[in-house]
PDB file of N, CA and C in Angstrom:
ATOM      1  N   VAL A   1     113.460 143.166  78.661  1.00  0.00           N
ATOM      2  CA  VAL A   1     113.120 143.819  77.413  1.00  0.00           C
ATOM      3  C   VAL A   1     112.670 145.259  77.650  1.00  0.00           C
ATOM      4  N   SER A   2     112.081 145.531  78.793  1.00  0.00           N
ATOM      5  CA  SER A   2     111.586 146.886  79.053  1.00  0.00           C
ATOM      6  C   SER A   2     112.707 147.921  79.099  1.00  0.00           C
ATOM      7  N   THR A   3     113.942 147.475  79.335  1.00  0.00           N
ATOM      8  CA  THR A   3     115.072 148.405  79.344  1.00  0.00           C
ATOM      9  C   THR A   3     115.826 148.416  78.026  1.00  0.00           C
ATOM     10  N   GLY A   4     115.332 147.671  77.037  1.00  0.00           N
ATOM     11  CA  GLY A   4     115.965 147.648  75.718  1.00  0.00           C
ATOM     12  C   GLY A   4     116.649 146.327  75.443  1.00  0.00           C
ATOM     13  N   SER A   5     117.264 146.258  74.299  1.00  0.00           N
ATOM     14  CA  SER A   5     117.940 145.046  73.871  1.00  0.00           C
ATOM     15  C   SER A   5     119.141 145.415  73.013  1.00  0.00           C
ATOM     16  N   ASP A   6     120.195 144.645  73.116  1.00  0.00           N
ATOM     17  CA  ASP A   6     121.382 144.874  72.302  1.00  0.00           C
ATOM     18  C   ASP A   6     121.563 143.780  71.256  1.00  0.00           C
ATOM     19  N   ILE A   7     120.540 142.975  71.053  1.00  0.00           N
ATOM     20  CA  ILE A   7     120.618 141.877  70.093  1.00  0.00           C
ATOM     21  C   ILE A   7     119.475 141.995  69.099  1.00  0.00           C
ATOM     22  N   ILE A   8     119.792 141.783  67.830  1.00  0.00           N
ATOM     23  CA  ILE A   8     118.771 141.771  66.783  1.00  0.00           C
ATOM     24  C   ILE A   8     118.688 140.346  66.257  1.00  0.00           C
ATOM     25  N   ILE A   9     117.497 139.782  66.263  1.00  0.00           N
ATOM     26  CA  ILE A   9     117.291 138.441  65.729  1.00  0.00           C
ATOM     27  C   ILE A   9     116.764 138.583  64.309  1.00  0.00           C
ATOM     28  N   VAL A  10     117.487 138.002  63.373  1.00  0.00           N
ATOM     29  CA  VAL A  10     117.124 138.092  61.961  1.00  0.00           C
ATOM     30  C   VAL A  10     116.881 136.679  61.452  1.00  0.00           C
ATOM     31  N   GLY A  11     115.774 136.484  60.794  1.00  0.00           N
ATOM     32  CA  GLY A  11     115.461 135.168  60.246  1.00  0.00           C
ATOM     33  C   GLY A  11     114.923 135.295  58.847  1.00  0.00           C
ATOM     34  N   ARG A  12     113.635 135.049  58.709  1.00  0.00           N
ATOM     35  CA  ARG A  12     113.004 135.094  57.391  1.00  0.00           C
ATOM     36  C   ARG A  12     113.127 136.441  56.703  1.00  0.00           C
ATOM     37  N   GLY A  13     113.236 137.502  57.471  1.00  0.00           N
ATOM     38  CA  GLY A  13     113.385 138.823  56.872  1.00  0.00           C
ATOM     39  C   GLY A  13     114.628 138.932  56.016  1.00  0.00           C
ATOM     40  N   LEU A  14     115.607 138.121  56.304  1.00  0.00           N
ATOM     41  CA  LEU A  14     116.862 138.135  55.560  1.00  0.00           C
ATOM     42  C   LEU A  14     116.861 137.117  54.425  1.00  0.00           C
ATOM     43  N   PHE A  15     116.293 135.952  54.674  1.00  0.00           N
ATOM     44  CA  PHE A  15     116.393 134.861  53.714  1.00  0.00           C
ATOM     45  C   PHE A  15     115.081 134.473  53.049  1.00  0.00           C
ATOM     46  N   ALA A  16     114.055 135.298  53.161  1.00  0.00           N
ATOM     47  CA  ALA A  16     112.758 134.968  52.572  1.00  0.00           C
ATOM     48  C   ALA A  16     112.866 134.844  51.050  1.00  0.00           C
ATOM     49  N   LYS A  17     112.033 134.021  50.506  1.00  0.00           N
ATOM     50  CA  LYS A  17     112.026 133.800  49.062  1.00  0.00           C
ATOM     51  C   LYS A  17     111.822 135.125  48.328  1.00  0.00           C
ATOM     52  N   GLY A  18     112.643 135.350  47.324  1.00  0.00           N
ATOM     53  CA  GLY A  18     112.522 136.560  46.525  1.00  0.00           C
ATOM     54  C   GLY A  18     113.270 137.751  47.085  1.00  0.00           C
ATOM     55  N   ARG A  19     113.956 137.570  48.200  1.00  0.00           N
ATOM     56  CA  ARG A  19     114.717 138.676  48.795  1.00  0.00           C
ATOM     57  C   ARG A  19     116.205 138.482  48.540  1.00  0.00           C
ATOM     58  N   ASP A  20     116.902 139.576  48.379  1.00  0.00           N
ATOM     59  CA  ASP A  20     118.352 139.557  48.205  1.00  0.00           C
ATOM     60  C   ASP A  20     118.979 139.630  49.600  1.00  0.00           C
ATOM     61  N   ALA A  21     119.562 138.528  50.040  1.00  0.00           N
ATOM     62  CA  ALA A  21     120.097 138.448  51.403  1.00  0.00           C
ATOM     63  C   ALA A  21     121.149 139.525  51.664  1.00  0.00           C
ATOM     64  N   LYS A  22     121.952 139.854  50.669  1.00  0.00           N
ATOM     65  CA  LYS A  22     122.981 140.881  50.850  1.00  0.00           C
ATOM     66  C   LYS A  22     122.345 142.251  51.092  1.00  0.00           C
ATOM     67  N   VAL A  23     121.334 142.587  50.310  1.00  0.00           N
ATOM     68  CA  VAL A  23     120.637 143.870  50.460  1.00  0.00           C
ATOM     69  C   VAL A  23     119.913 143.922  51.799  1.00  0.00           C
ATOM     70  N   GLU A  24     119.205 142.853  52.137  1.00  0.00           N
ATOM     71  CA  GLU A  24     118.471 142.819  53.403  1.00  0.00           C
ATOM     72  C   GLU A  24     119.426 142.858  54.593  1.00  0.00           C
ATOM     73  N   GLY A  25     120.552 142.162  54.491  1.00  0.00           N
ATOM     74  CA  GLY A  25     121.542 142.184  55.564  1.00  0.00           C
ATOM     75  C   GLY A  25     122.070 143.586  55.813  1.00  0.00           C
ATOM     76  N   GLU A  26     122.337 144.311  54.753  1.00  0.00           N
ATOM     77  CA  GLU A  26     122.810 145.691  54.883  1.00  0.00           C
ATOM     78  C   GLU A  26     121.742 146.573  55.519  1.00  0.00           C
ATOM     79  N   ARG A  27     120.493 146.345  55.139  1.00  0.00           N
ATOM     80  CA  ARG A  27     119.393 147.124  55.717  1.00  0.00           C
ATOM     81  C   ARG A  27     119.277 146.869  57.224  1.00  0.00           C
ATOM     82  N   TYR A  28     119.362 145.606  57.619  1.00  0.00           N
ATOM     83  CA  TYR A  28     119.304 145.266  59.043  1.00  0.00           C
ATOM     84  C   TYR A  28     120.510 145.833  59.787  1.00  0.00           C
ATOM     85  N   ARG A  29     121.697 145.737  59.187  1.00  0.00           N
ATOM     86  CA  ARG A  29     122.911 146.248  59.820  1.00  0.00           C
ATOM     87  C   ARG A  29     122.800 147.747  60.072  1.00  0.00           C
ATOM     88  N   LYS A  30     122.348 148.472  59.065  1.00  0.00           N
ATOM     89  CA  LYS A  30     122.218 149.923  59.189  1.00  0.00           C
ATOM     90  C   LYS A  30     121.174 150.291  60.255  1.00  0.00           C
ATOM     91  N   ALA A  31     120.036 149.638  60.221  1.00  0.00           N
ATOM     92  CA  ALA A  31     118.984 149.924  61.200  1.00  0.00           C
ATOM     93  C   ALA A  31     119.458 149.601  62.619  1.00  0.00           C
ATOM     94  N   GLY A  32     120.167 148.497  62.775  1.00  0.00           N
ATOM     95  CA  GLY A  32     120.677 148.116  64.092  1.00  0.00           C
ATOM     96  C   GLY A  32     121.708 149.102  64.621  1.00  0.00           C
ATOM     97  N   TRP A  33     122.610 149.539  63.752  1.00  0.00           N
ATOM     98  CA  TRP A  33     123.640 150.484  64.174  1.00  0.00           C
ATOM     99  C   TRP A  33     123.021 151.820  64.569  1.00  0.00           C
ATOM    100  N   GLU A  34     122.063 152.297  63.772  1.00  0.00           N
ATOM    101  CA  GLU A  34     121.391 153.562  64.085  1.00  0.00           C
ATOM    102  C   GLU A  34     120.631 153.470  65.411  1.00  0.00           C
ATOM    103  N   ALA A  35     120.003 152.331  65.664  1.00  0.00           N
ATOM    104  CA  ALA A  35     119.296 152.132  66.932  1.00  0.00           C
ATOM    105  C   ALA A  35     120.284 152.120  68.100  1.00  0.00           C
ATOM    106  N   TYR A  36     121.423 151.482  67.899  1.00  0.00           N
ATOM    107  CA  TYR A  36     122.457 151.448  68.938  1.00  0.00           C
ATOM    108  C   TYR A  36     122.948 152.860  69.260  1.00  0.00           C
ATOM    109  N   LEU A  37     123.222 153.652  68.234  1.00  0.00           N
ATOM    110  CA  LEU A  37     123.687 155.022  68.456  1.00  0.00           C
ATOM    111  C   LEU A  37     122.638 155.859  69.182  1.00  0.00           C
ATOM    112  N   ARG A  38     121.372 155.685  68.823  1.00  0.00           N
ATOM    113  CA  ARG A  38     120.307 156.411  69.522  1.00  0.00           C
ATOM    114  C   ARG A  38     120.277 156.019  70.990  1.00  0.00           C
ATOM    115  N   ARG A  39     120.411 154.738  71.251  1.00  0.00           N
ATOM    116  CA  ARG A  39     120.376 154.247  72.633  1.00  0.00           C
ATOM    117  C   ARG A  39     121.547 154.789  73.449  1.00  0.00           C
ATOM    118  N   CYS A  40     122.683 154.954  72.814  1.00  0.00           N
ATOM    119  CA  CYS A  40     123.869 155.482  73.498  1.00  0.00           C
ATOM    120  C   CYS A  40     123.885 157.005  73.536  1.00  0.00           C
ATOM    121  N   GLY A  41     122.888 157.636  72.933  1.00  0.00           N
ATOM    122  CA  GLY A  41     122.826 159.090  72.938  1.00  0.00           C
ATOM    123  C   GLY A  41     123.756 159.743  71.945  1.00  0.00           C
ATOM    124  N   GLN A  42     124.083 159.021  70.874  1.00  0.00           N
ATOM    125  CA  GLN A  42     124.995 159.537  69.857  1.00  0.00           C
ATOM    126  C   GLN A  42     124.300 159.656  68.514  1.00  0.00           C
ATOM    127  N   GLN A  43     123.150 160.279  68.492  1.00  0.00           N
ATOM    128  CA  GLN A  43     122.398 160.408  67.242  1.00  0.00           C
ATOM    129  C   GLN A  43     123.216 161.116  66.187  1.00  0.00           C
ATOM    130  N   ASN A  44     123.024 160.683  64.941  1.00  0.00           N
ATOM    131  CA  ASN A  44     123.699 161.333  63.807  1.00  0.00           C
ATOM    132  C   ASN A  44     122.909 162.540  63.396  1.00  0.00           C
TER     133      ASN A  44
END
């Protein structure tokens, strides 16, 4: 873990009561992709 991770574990944050799974999924996808680009040195 000290060198980073290429996997995002999503659970209750996506399917919690009162949350829109589609909206939350998009939020996680975007955050994960941006983190990946930063890690690869390809910041937008």
